[in-house]
Amino acid sequence: MSHLDAFTKGWSFRTSTPDFEPGQEITAFVTGHDDGTHVVRIGDTVLSLDDIDDAENGDRDRSSDGNGTGGETNLLDSQVRLRVEEFNTNDHIGRATVLERLGESSF
């Protein structure tokens, strides 16, 4: 084994388009809205989210842009635990269900 091989042993590159399996649970940040639906972007992979109801926490936001008073919970910039429901490996898009809100980002 060369010194270079020993130095780089175990290294791997991450992809900008990760794949997910239906039923897989992951943690991610909600990065935006697309046509009134919250989305998570992980690299170039996009997951559309089925929202949770945080009414018991008073976190109701009923606007389509997450800044007012419309029908869904505002998850923008929140860290969430989610379960992948559907995933297209060719287009790197899918749908996921939010299991719980873990917190908010610090930026």
PDB file of N, CA and C in Angstrom:
ATOM      1  N   MET A   1       0.856  -1.177   0.000  1.00  0.00           N
ATOM      2  CA  MET A   1       0.000   0.000   0.000  1.00  0.00           C
ATOM      3  C   MET A   1       0.895   1.230   0.000  1.00  0.00           C
ATOM      4  N   SER A   2       0.631   2.130  -0.933  1.00  0.00           N
ATOM      5  CA  SER A   2       1.422   3.355  -1.013  1.00  0.00           C
ATOM      6  C   SER A   2       1.007   4.318   0.101  1.00  0.00           C
ATOM      7  N   HIS A   3       1.854   5.331   0.303  1.00  0.00           N
ATOM      8  CA  HIS A   3       1.528   6.343   1.308  1.00  0.00           C
ATOM      9  C   HIS A   3       0.247   7.091   0.924  1.00  0.00           C
ATOM     10  N   LEU A   4       0.064   7.357  -0.374  1.00  0.00           N
ATOM     11  CA  LEU A   4      -1.141   8.043  -0.827  1.00  0.00           C
ATOM     12  C   LEU A   4      -2.381   7.190  -0.568  1.00  0.00           C
ATOM     13  N   ASP A   5      -2.296   5.889  -0.863  1.00  0.00           N
ATOM     14  CA  ASP A   5      -3.420   4.985  -0.612  1.00  0.00           C
ATOM     15  C   ASP A   5      -3.748   4.933   0.882  1.00  0.00           C
ATOM     16  N   ALA A   6      -2.734   4.891   1.718  1.00  0.00           N
ATOM     17  CA  ALA A   6      -2.953   4.858   3.163  1.00  0.00           C
ATOM     18  C   ALA A   6      -3.586   6.162   3.650  1.00  0.00           C
ATOM     19  N   PHE A   7      -3.156   7.272   3.070  1.00  0.00           N
ATOM     20  CA  PHE A   7      -3.674   8.576   3.478  1.00  0.00           C
ATOM     21  C   PHE A   7      -5.139   8.757   3.078  1.00  0.00           C
ATOM     22  N   THR A   8      -5.508   8.268   1.889  1.00  0.00           N
ATOM     23  CA  THR A   8      -6.861   8.481   1.373  1.00  0.00           C
ATOM     24  C   THR A   8      -7.810   7.318   1.658  1.00  0.00           C
ATOM     25  N   LYS A   9      -7.373   6.324   2.413  1.00  0.00           N
ATOM     26  CA  LYS A   9      -8.223   5.172   2.727  1.00  0.00           C
ATOM     27  C   LYS A   9      -9.489   5.636   3.452  1.00  0.00           C
ATOM     28  N   GLY A  10     -10.640   5.207   2.975  1.00  0.00           N
ATOM     29  CA  GLY A  10     -11.910   5.549   3.583  1.00  0.00           C
ATOM     30  C   GLY A  10     -12.530   6.834   3.073  1.00  0.00           C
ATOM     31  N   TRP A  11     -11.833   7.575   2.236  1.00  0.00           N
ATOM     32  CA  TRP A  11     -12.395   8.810   1.690  1.00  0.00           C
ATOM     33  C   TRP A  11     -13.440   8.473   0.639  1.00  0.00           C
ATOM     34  N   SER A  12     -14.460   9.300   0.568  1.00  0.00           N
ATOM     35  CA  SER A  12     -15.447   9.186  -0.502  1.00  0.00           C
ATOM     36  C   SER A  12     -16.015  10.571  -0.773  1.00  0.00           C
ATOM     37  N   PHE A  13     -16.593  10.727  -1.923  1.00  0.00           N
ATOM     38  CA  PHE A  13     -17.195  11.997  -2.308  1.00  0.00           C
ATOM     39  C   PHE A  13     -18.704  11.912  -2.128  1.00  0.00           C
ATOM     40  N   ARG A  14     -19.298  13.014  -1.666  1.00  0.00           N
ATOM     41  CA  ARG A  14     -20.751  13.073  -1.562  1.00  0.00           C
ATOM     42  C   ARG A  14     -21.307  13.531  -2.902  1.00  0.00           C
ATOM     43  N   THR A  15     -22.482  13.057  -3.201  1.00  0.00           N
ATOM     44  CA  THR A  15     -23.141  13.452  -4.438  1.00  0.00           C
ATOM     45  C   THR A  15     -24.016  14.675  -4.193  1.00  0.00           C
ATOM     46  N   SER A  16     -24.235  15.459  -5.228  1.00  0.00           N
ATOM     47  CA  SER A  16     -25.138  16.609  -5.099  1.00  0.00           C
ATOM     48  C   SER A  16     -26.589  16.192  -5.327  1.00  0.00           C
ATOM     49  N   THR A  17     -26.817  14.925  -5.675  1.00  0.00           N
ATOM     50  CA  THR A  17     -28.171  14.419  -5.903  1.00  0.00           C
ATOM     51  C   THR A  17     -28.367  13.108  -5.141  1.00  0.00           C
ATOM     52  N   PRO A  18     -28.498  13.191  -3.814  1.00  0.00           N
ATOM     53  CA  PRO A  18     -28.685  11.953  -3.059  1.00  0.00           C
ATOM     54  C   PRO A  18     -30.031  11.300  -3.385  1.00  0.00           C
ATOM     55  N   ASP A  19     -30.058   9.975  -3.305  1.00  0.00           N
ATOM     56  CA  ASP A  19     -31.281   9.205  -3.518  1.00  0.00           C
ATOM     57  C   ASP A  19     -31.831   8.758  -2.169  1.00  0.00           C
ATOM     58  N   PHE A  20     -33.148   8.612  -2.102  1.00  0.00           N
ATOM     59  CA  PHE A  20     -33.805   8.152  -0.890  1.00  0.00           C
ATOM     60  C   PHE A  20     -34.768   7.033  -1.230  1.00  0.00           C
ATOM     61  N   GLU A  21     -35.011   6.173  -0.270  1.00  0.00           N
ATOM     62  CA  GLU A  21     -35.946   5.067  -0.425  1.00  0.00           C
ATOM     63  C   GLU A  21     -37.248   5.401   0.297  1.00  0.00           C
ATOM     64  N   PRO A  22     -38.403   5.025  -0.251  1.00  0.00           N
ATOM     65  CA  PRO A  22     -39.656   5.211   0.475  1.00  0.00           C
ATOM     66  C   PRO A  22     -39.575   4.521   1.840  1.00  0.00           C
ATOM     67  N   GLY A  23     -40.026   5.225   2.863  1.00  0.00           N
ATOM     68  CA  GLY A  23     -39.962   4.719   4.225  1.00  0.00           C
ATOM     69  C   GLY A  23     -38.736   5.181   4.987  1.00  0.00           C
ATOM     70  N   GLN A  24     -37.737   5.686   4.284  1.00  0.00           N
ATOM     71  CA  GLN A  24     -36.516   6.176   4.934  1.00  0.00           C
ATOM     72  C   GLN A  24     -36.821   7.441   5.712  1.00  0.00           C
ATOM     73  N   GLU A  25     -36.290   7.552   6.941  1.00  0.00           N
ATOM     74  CA  GLU A  25     -36.471   8.740   7.760  1.00  0.00           C
ATOM     75  C   GLU A  25     -35.178   9.528   7.799  1.00  0.00           C
ATOM     76  N   ILE A  26     -35.288  10.852   7.592  1.00  0.00           N
ATOM     77  CA  ILE A  26     -34.125  11.735   7.595  1.00  0.00           C
ATOM     78  C   ILE A  26     -34.456  13.010   8.356  1.00  0.00           C
ATOM     79  N   THR A  27     -33.432  13.761   8.689  1.00  0.00           N
ATOM     80  CA  THR A  27     -33.570  15.073   9.303  1.00  0.00           C
ATOM     81  C   THR A  27     -33.033  16.101   8.331  1.00  0.00           C
ATOM     82  N   ALA A  28     -33.776  17.195   8.135  1.00  0.00           N
ATOM     83  CA  ALA A  28     -33.364  18.222   7.179  1.00  0.00           C
ATOM     84  C   ALA A  28     -33.996  19.556   7.560  1.00  0.00           C
ATOM     85  N   PHE A  29     -33.542  20.623   6.902  1.00  0.00           N
ATOM     86  CA  PHE A  29     -34.120  21.950   7.082  1.00  0.00           C
ATOM     87  C   PHE A  29     -35.077  22.244   5.934  1.00  0.00           C
ATOM     88  N   VAL A  30     -36.220  22.850   6.262  1.00  0.00           N
ATOM     89  CA  VAL A  30     -37.175  23.291   5.255  1.00  0.00           C
ATOM     90  C   VAL A  30     -36.596  24.562   4.643  1.00  0.00           C
ATOM     91  N   THR A  31     -36.402  24.545   3.327  1.00  0.00           N
ATOM     92  CA  THR A  31     -35.675  25.641   2.675  1.00  0.00           C
ATOM     93  C   THR A  31     -36.548  26.624   1.916  1.00  0.00           C
ATOM     94  N   GLY A  32     -37.808  26.293   1.665  1.00  0.00           N
ATOM     95  CA  GLY A  32     -38.634  27.229   0.921  1.00  0.00           C
ATOM     96  C   GLY A  32     -40.009  26.697   0.611  1.00  0.00           C
ATOM     97  N   HIS A  33     -40.674  27.389  -0.307  1.00  0.00           N
ATOM     98  CA  HIS A  33     -42.009  27.034  -0.790  1.00  0.00           C
ATOM     99  C   HIS A  33     -41.960  26.861  -2.292  1.00  0.00           C
ATOM    100  N   ASP A  34     -42.790  25.966  -2.796  1.00  0.00           N
ATOM    101  CA  ASP A  34     -42.957  25.801  -4.236  1.00  0.00           C
ATOM    102  C   ASP A  34     -44.443  25.585  -4.479  1.00  0.00           C
ATOM    103  N   ASP A  35     -45.103  26.555  -5.079  1.00  0.00           N
ATOM    104  CA  ASP A  35     -46.550  26.500  -5.324  1.00  0.00           C
ATOM    105  C   ASP A  35     -47.334  26.255  -4.033  1.00  0.00           C
ATOM    106  N   GLY A  36     -46.941  26.921  -2.937  1.00  0.00           N
ATOM    107  CA  GLY A  36     -47.659  26.813  -1.670  1.00  0.00           C
ATOM    108  C   GLY A  36     -47.315  25.591  -0.843  1.00  0.00           C
ATOM    109  N   THR A  37     -46.362  24.784  -1.286  1.00  0.00           N
ATOM    110  CA  THR A  37     -45.956  23.585  -0.561  1.00  0.00           C
ATOM    111  C   THR A  37     -44.537  23.784  -0.034  1.00  0.00           C
ATOM    112  N   HIS A  38     -44.310  23.425   1.220  1.00  0.00           N
ATOM    113  CA  HIS A  38     -42.958  23.504   1.770  1.00  0.00           C
ATOM    114  C   HIS A  38     -42.063  22.492   1.065  1.00  0.00           C
ATOM    115  N   VAL A  39     -40.789  22.843   0.881  1.00  0.00           N
ATOM    116  CA  VAL A  39     -39.836  21.938   0.244  1.00  0.00           C
ATOM    117  C   VAL A  39     -38.544  21.875   1.049  1.00  0.00           C
ATOM    118  N   VAL A  40     -37.905  20.726   0.938  1.00  0.00           N
ATOM    119  CA  VAL A  40     -36.579  20.494   1.494  1.00  0.00           C
ATOM    120  C   VAL A  40     -35.663  20.270   0.305  1.00  0.00           C
ATOM    121  N   ARG A  41     -34.549  20.993   0.279  1.00  0.00           N
ATOM    122  CA  ARG A  41     -33.553  20.797  -0.781  1.00  0.00           C
ATOM    123  C   ARG A  41     -32.298  20.231  -0.132  1.00  0.00           C
ATOM    124  N   ILE A  42     -31.871  19.081  -0.626  1.00  0.00           N
ATOM    125  CA  ILE A  42     -30.635  18.458  -0.165  1.00  0.00           C
ATOM    126  C   ILE A  42     -29.771  18.322  -1.409  1.00  0.00           C
ATOM    127  N   GLY A  43     -28.830  19.242  -1.545  1.00  0.00           N
ATOM    128  CA  GLY A  43     -28.091  19.342  -2.799  1.00  0.00           C
ATOM    129  C   GLY A  43     -29.062  19.738  -3.886  1.00  0.00           C
ATOM    130  N   ASP A  44     -29.087  18.982  -4.975  1.00  0.00           N
ATOM    131  CA  ASP A  44     -30.023  19.250  -6.067  1.00  0.00           C
ATOM    132  C   ASP A  44     -31.278  18.385  -5.969  1.00  0.00           C
ATOM    133  N   THR A  45     -31.410  17.608  -4.917  1.00  0.00           N
ATOM    134  CA  THR A  45     -32.594  16.794  -4.685  1.00  0.00           C
ATOM    135  C   THR A  45     -33.642  17.629  -3.959  1.00  0.00           C
ATOM    136  N   VAL A  46     -34.899  17.525  -4.400  1.00  0.00           N
ATOM    137  CA  VAL A  46     -35.992  18.311  -3.812  1.00  0.00           C
ATOM    138  C   VAL A  46     -37.092  17.371  -3.327  1.00  0.00           C
ATOM    139  N   LEU A  47     -37.486  17.558  -2.058  1.00  0.00           N
ATOM    140  CA  LEU A  47     -38.601  16.807  -1.481  1.00  0.00           C
ATOM    141  C   LEU A  47     -39.717  17.786  -1.124  1.00  0.00           C
ATOM    142  N   SER A  48     -40.918  17.546  -1.643  1.00  0.00           N
ATOM    143  CA  SER A  48     -42.097  18.328  -1.270  1.00  0.00           C
ATOM    144  C   SER A  48     -42.658  17.717   0.005  1.00  0.00           C
ATOM    145  N   LEU A  49     -43.133  18.569   0.919  1.00  0.00           N
ATOM    146  CA  LEU A  49     -43.552  18.090   2.228  1.00  0.00           C
ATOM    147  C   LEU A  49     -45.054  18.128   2.428  1.00  0.00           C
ATOM    148  N   ASP A  50     -45.557  17.083   3.083  1.00  0.00           N
ATOM    149  CA  ASP A  50     -46.908  17.084   3.620  1.00  0.00           C
ATOM    150  C   ASP A  50     -46.767  17.698   5.001  1.00  0.00           C
ATOM    151  N   ASP A  51     -47.438  18.824   5.265  1.00  0.00           N
ATOM    152  CA  ASP A  51     -47.266  19.572   6.510  1.00  0.00           C
ATOM    153  C   ASP A  51     -47.860  18.863   7.719  1.00  0.00           C
ATOM    154  N   ILE A  52     -47.321  19.198   8.893  1.00  0.00           N
ATOM    155  CA  ILE A  52     -47.881  18.749  10.162  1.00  0.00           C
ATOM    156  C   ILE A  52     -48.706  19.885  10.731  1.00  0.00           C
ATOM    157  N   ASP A  53     -49.530  19.581  11.702  1.00  0.00           N
ATOM    158  CA  ASP A  53     -50.364  20.591  12.340  1.00  0.00           C
ATOM    159  C   ASP A  53     -49.787  20.915  13.706  1.00  0.00           C
ATOM    160  N   ASP A  54     -49.201  22.107  13.840  1.00  0.00           N
ATOM    161  CA  ASP A  54     -48.618  22.541  15.108  1.00  0.00           C
ATOM    162  C   ASP A  54     -49.559  23.474  15.859  1.00  0.00           C
ATOM    163  N   ALA A  55     -50.863  23.300  15.686  1.00  0.00           N
ATOM    164  CA  ALA A  55     -51.816  24.213  16.311  1.00  0.00           C
ATOM    165  C   ALA A  55     -51.663  24.232  17.824  1.00  0.00           C
ATOM    166  N   GLU A  56     -51.294  23.098  18.418  1.00  0.00           N
ATOM    167  CA  GLU A  56     -51.150  23.060  19.863  1.00  0.00           C
ATOM    168  C   GLU A  56     -49.989  23.933  20.336  1.00  0.00           C
ATOM    169  N   ASN A  57     -49.051  24.234  19.464  1.00  0.00           N
ATOM    170  CA  ASN A  57     -47.926  25.095  19.814  1.00  0.00           C
ATOM    171  C   ASN A  57     -48.169  26.543  19.426  1.00  0.00           C
ATOM    172  N   GLY A  58     -49.317  26.813  18.822  1.00  0.00           N
ATOM    173  CA  GLY A  58     -49.608  28.171  18.391  1.00  0.00           C
ATOM    174  C   GLY A  58     -48.826  28.594  17.164  1.00  0.00           C
ATOM    175  N   ASP A  59     -48.294  27.644  16.408  1.00  0.00           N
ATOM    176  CA  ASP A  59     -47.466  27.958  15.252  1.00  0.00           C
ATOM    177  C   ASP A  59     -48.257  27.959  13.954  1.00  0.00           C
ATOM    178  N   ARG A  60     -49.524  28.328  13.996  1.00  0.00           N
ATOM    179  CA  ARG A  60     -50.334  28.332  12.786  1.00  0.00           C
ATOM    180  C   ARG A  60     -49.983  29.522  11.918  1.00  0.00           C
ATOM    181  N   ASP A  61     -49.693  29.256  10.674  1.00  0.00           N
ATOM    182  CA  ASP A  61     -49.440  30.297   9.694  1.00  0.00           C
ATOM    183  C   ASP A  61     -50.278  29.931   8.493  1.00  0.00           C
ATOM    184  N   ARG A  62     -51.207  30.733   8.148  1.00  0.00           N
ATOM    185  CA  ARG A  62     -52.173  30.374   7.130  1.00  0.00           C
ATOM    186  C   ARG A  62     -51.910  31.017   5.774  1.00  0.00           C
ATOM    187  N   SER A  63     -50.718  31.487   5.534  1.00  0.00           N
ATOM    188  CA  SER A  63     -50.415  32.123   4.245  1.00  0.00           C
ATOM    189  C   SER A  63     -49.663  31.182   3.332  1.00  0.00           C
ATOM    190  N   SER A  64     -49.774  31.409   2.037  1.00  0.00           N
ATOM    191  CA  SER A  64     -49.060  30.559   1.080  1.00  0.00           C
ATOM    192  C   SER A  64     -47.568  30.846   1.074  1.00  0.00           C
ATOM    193  N   ASP A  65     -47.155  32.030   1.526  1.00  0.00           N
ATOM    194  CA  ASP A  65     -45.728  32.348   1.539  1.00  0.00           C
ATOM    195  C   ASP A  65     -45.089  32.161   2.906  1.00  0.00           C
ATOM    196  N   GLY A  66     -45.859  31.737   3.904  1.00  0.00           N
ATOM    197  CA  GLY A  66     -45.305  31.490   5.228  1.00  0.00           C
ATOM    198  C   GLY A  66     -45.157  32.745   6.058  1.00  0.00           C
ATOM    199  N   ASN A  67     -45.740  33.841   5.642  1.00  0.00           N
ATOM    200  CA  ASN A  67     -45.557  35.094   6.375  1.00  0.00           C
ATOM    201  C   ASN A  67     -46.864  35.762   6.790  1.00  0.00           C
ATOM    202  N   GLY A  68     -47.950  35.043   6.845  1.00  0.00           N
ATOM    203  CA  GLY A  68     -49.212  35.693   7.173  1.00  0.00           C
ATOM    204  C   GLY A  68     -50.195  34.775   7.849  1.00  0.00           C
ATOM    205  N   THR A  69     -51.440  34.753   7.378  1.00  0.00           N
ATOM    206  CA  THR A  69     -52.465  33.951   8.030  1.00  0.00           C
ATOM    207  C   THR A  69     -53.311  33.188   7.026  1.00  0.00           C
ATOM    208  N   GLY A  70     -52.819  32.106   6.447  1.00  0.00           N
ATOM    209  CA  GLY A  70     -53.528  31.252   5.489  1.00  0.00           C
ATOM    210  C   GLY A  70     -53.775  29.872   6.073  1.00  0.00           C
ATOM    211  N   GLY A  71     -53.602  28.671   5.416  1.00  0.00           N
ATOM    212  CA  GLY A  71     -54.034  27.375   5.939  1.00  0.00           C
ATOM    213  C   GLY A  71     -53.011  26.401   6.443  1.00  0.00           C
ATOM    214  N   GLU A  72     -51.728  26.562   6.227  1.00  0.00           N
ATOM    215  CA  GLU A  72     -50.776  25.538   6.660  1.00  0.00           C
ATOM    216  C   GLU A  72     -49.849  26.049   7.752  1.00  0.00           C
ATOM    217  N   THR A  73     -49.193  25.118   8.405  1.00  0.00           N
ATOM    218  CA  THR A  73     -48.223  25.444   9.440  1.00  0.00           C
ATOM    219  C   THR A  73     -46.970  26.005   8.787  1.00  0.00           C
ATOM    220  N   ASN A  74     -46.398  27.039   9.361  1.00  0.00           N
ATOM    221  CA  ASN A  74     -45.181  27.626   8.812  1.00  0.00           C
ATOM    222  C   ASN A  74     -43.973  26.827   9.273  1.00  0.00           C
ATOM    223  N   LEU A  75     -43.357  26.098   8.366  1.00  0.00           N
ATOM    224  CA  LEU A  75     -42.176  25.293   8.680  1.00  0.00           C
ATOM    225  C   LEU A  75     -40.905  25.888   8.094  1.00  0.00           C
ATOM    226  N   LEU A  76     -41.004  27.005   7.404  1.00  0.00           N
ATOM    227  CA  LEU A  76     -39.854  27.607   6.745  1.00  0.00           C
ATOM    228  C   LEU A  76     -38.714  27.838   7.730  1.00  0.00           C
ATOM    229  N   ASP A  77     -37.510  27.415   7.364  1.00  0.00           N
ATOM    230  CA  ASP A  77     -36.288  27.525   8.174  1.00  0.00           C
ATOM    231  C   ASP A  77     -36.317  26.672   9.434  1.00  0.00           C
ATOM    232  N   SER A  78     -37.208  25.690   9.496  1.00  0.00           N
ATOM    233  CA  SER A  78     -37.271  24.777  10.637  1.00  0.00           C
ATOM    234  C   SER A  78     -36.541  23.485  10.308  1.00  0.00           C
ATOM    235  N   GLN A  79     -35.949  22.890  11.325  1.00  0.00           N
ATOM    236  CA  GLN A  79     -35.380  21.562  11.167  1.00  0.00           C
ATOM    237  C   GLN A  79     -36.490  20.564  11.473  1.00  0.00           C
ATOM    238  N   VAL A  80     -36.666  19.588  10.595  1.00  0.00           N
ATOM    239  CA  VAL A  80     -37.743  18.617  10.740  1.00  0.00           C
ATOM    240  C   VAL A  80     -37.218  17.201  10.560  1.00  0.00           C
ATOM    241  N   ARG A  81     -37.923  16.278  11.189  1.00  0.00           N
ATOM    242  CA  ARG A  81     -37.688  14.850  10.955  1.00  0.00           C
ATOM    243  C   ARG A  81     -38.795  14.425  10.006  1.00  0.00           C
ATOM    244  N   LEU A  82     -38.435  13.756   8.914  1.00  0.00           N
ATOM    245  CA  LEU A  82     -39.436  13.384   7.921  1.00  0.00           C
ATOM    246  C   LEU A  82     -39.227  11.978   7.416  1.00  0.00           C
ATOM    247  N   ARG A  83     -40.310  11.450   6.827  1.00  0.00           N
ATOM    248  CA  ARG A  83     -40.288  10.116   6.227  1.00  0.00           C
ATOM    249  C   ARG A  83     -40.560  10.266   4.740  1.00  0.00           C
ATOM    250  N   VAL A  84     -39.696   9.718   3.916  1.00  0.00           N
ATOM    251  CA  VAL A  84     -39.848   9.771   2.461  1.00  0.00           C
ATOM    252  C   VAL A  84     -40.999   8.850   2.067  1.00  0.00           C
ATOM    253  N   GLU A  85     -41.957   9.399   1.321  1.00  0.00           N
ATOM    254  CA  GLU A  85     -43.122   8.621   0.878  1.00  0.00           C
ATOM    255  C   GLU A  85     -42.951   8.138  -0.559  1.00  0.00           C
ATOM    256  N   GLU A  86     -42.462   9.023  -1.435  1.00  0.00           N
ATOM    257  CA  GLU A  86     -42.240   8.699  -2.849  1.00  0.00           C
ATOM    258  C   GLU A  86     -40.929   9.330  -3.269  1.00  0.00           C
ATOM    259  N   PHE A  87     -40.216   8.661  -4.196  1.00  0.00           N
ATOM    260  CA  PHE A  87     -38.979   9.259  -4.695  1.00  0.00           C
ATOM    261  C   PHE A  87     -38.699   8.782  -6.108  1.00  0.00           C
ATOM    262  N   ASN A  88     -38.394   9.735  -6.999  1.00  0.00           N
ATOM    263  CA  ASN A  88     -38.049   9.454  -8.391  1.00  0.00           C
ATOM    264  C   ASN A  88     -36.537   9.594  -8.520  1.00  0.00           C
ATOM    265  N   THR A  89     -35.837   8.486  -8.702  1.00  0.00           N
ATOM    266  CA  THR A  89     -34.372   8.516  -8.767  1.00  0.00           C
ATOM    267  C   THR A  89     -33.847   9.147 -10.047  1.00  0.00           C
ATOM    268  N   ASN A  90     -34.663   9.194 -11.105  1.00  0.00           N
ATOM    269  CA  ASN A  90     -34.212   9.820 -12.353  1.00  0.00           C
ATOM    270  C   ASN A  90     -34.224  11.335 -12.261  1.00  0.00           C
ATOM    271  N   ASP A  91     -35.273  11.898 -11.643  1.00  0.00           N
ATOM    272  CA  ASP A  91     -35.410  13.350 -11.555  1.00  0.00           C
ATOM    273  C   ASP A  91     -34.949  13.911 -10.219  1.00  0.00           C
ATOM    274  N   HIS A  92     -34.681  13.046  -9.258  1.00  0.00           N
ATOM    275  CA  HIS A  92     -34.245  13.438  -7.910  1.00  0.00           C
ATOM    276  C   HIS A  92     -35.258  14.352  -7.233  1.00  0.00           C
ATOM    277  N   ILE A  93     -36.524  13.967  -7.348  1.00  0.00           N
ATOM    278  CA  ILE A  93     -37.597  14.678  -6.653  1.00  0.00           C
ATOM    279  C   ILE A  93     -38.455  13.657  -5.920  1.00  0.00           C
ATOM    280  N   GLY A  94     -39.131  14.115  -4.874  1.00  0.00           N
ATOM    281  CA  GLY A  94     -39.972  13.200  -4.135  1.00  0.00           C
ATOM    282  C   GLY A  94     -40.930  13.929  -3.220  1.00  0.00           C
ATOM    283  N   ARG A  95     -41.620  13.129  -2.416  1.00  0.00           N
ATOM    284  CA  ARG A  95     -42.584  13.647  -1.457  1.00  0.00           C
ATOM    285  C   ARG A  95     -42.295  13.001  -0.119  1.00  0.00           C
ATOM    286  N   ALA A  96     -42.415  13.799   0.949  1.00  0.00           N
ATOM    287  CA  ALA A  96     -42.139  13.292   2.284  1.00  0.00           C
ATOM    288  C   ALA A  96     -43.178  13.810   3.269  1.00  0.00           C
ATOM    289  N   THR A  97     -43.364  13.079   4.354  1.00  0.00           N
ATOM    290  CA  THR A  97     -44.267  13.473   5.421  1.00  0.00           C
ATOM    291  C   THR A  97     -43.446  13.956   6.603  1.00  0.00           C
ATOM    292  N   VAL A  98     -43.815  15.113   7.133  1.00  0.00           N
ATOM    293  CA  VAL A  98     -43.138  15.651   8.311  1.00  0.00           C
ATOM    294  C   VAL A  98     -43.618  14.880   9.529  1.00  0.00           C
ATOM    295  N   LEU A  99     -42.687  14.293  10.271  1.00  0.00           N
ATOM    296  CA  LEU A  99     -43.022  13.557  11.476  1.00  0.00           C
ATOM    297  C   LEU A  99     -43.016  14.450  12.703  1.00  0.00           C
ATOM    298  N   GLU A 100     -42.042  15.368  12.761  1.00  0.00           N
ATOM    299  CA  GLU A 100     -42.011  16.324  13.863  1.00  0.00           C
ATOM    300  C   GLU A 100     -41.092  17.489  13.535  1.00  0.00           C
ATOM    301  N   ARG A 101     -41.406  18.607  14.144  1.00  0.00           N
ATOM    302  CA  ARG A 101     -40.558  19.806  14.046  1.00  0.00           C
ATOM    303  C   ARG A 101     -39.545  19.698  15.176  1.00  0.00           C
ATOM    304  N   LEU A 102     -38.258  19.802  14.834  1.00  0.00           N
ATOM    305  CA  LEU A 102     -37.196  19.646  15.820  1.00  0.00           C
ATOM    306  C   LEU A 102     -36.712  20.983  16.363  1.00  0.00           C
ATOM    307  N   GLY A 103     -36.785  22.023  15.574  1.00  0.00           N
ATOM    308  CA  GLY A 103     -36.311  23.326  16.013  1.00  0.00           C
ATOM    309  C   GLY A 103     -36.226  24.269  14.844  1.00  0.00           C
ATOM    310  N   GLU A 104     -35.622  25.430  15.094  1.00  0.00           N
ATOM    311  CA  GLU A 104     -35.484  26.437  14.054  1.00  0.00           C
ATOM    312  C   GLU A 104     -34.025  26.696  13.808  1.00  0.00           C
ATOM    313  N   SER A 105     -33.703  27.232  12.622  1.00  0.00           N
ATOM    314  CA  SER A 105     -32.321  27.531  12.291  1.00  0.00           C
ATOM    315  C   SER A 105     -31.842  28.746  13.079  1.00  0.00           C
ATOM    316  N   SER A 106     -30.565  28.894  13.149  1.00  0.00           N
ATOM    317  CA  SER A 106     -29.999  30.024  13.902  1.00  0.00           C
ATOM    318  C   SER A 106     -29.564  31.155  12.988  1.00  0.00           C
ATOM    319  N   PHE A 107     -29.888  31.092  11.707  1.00  0.00           N
ATOM    320  CA  PHE A 107     -29.525  32.184  10.800  1.00  0.00           C
ATOM    321  C   PHE A 107     -30.699  33.042  10.474  1.00  0.00           C
TER     322      PHE A 107
END
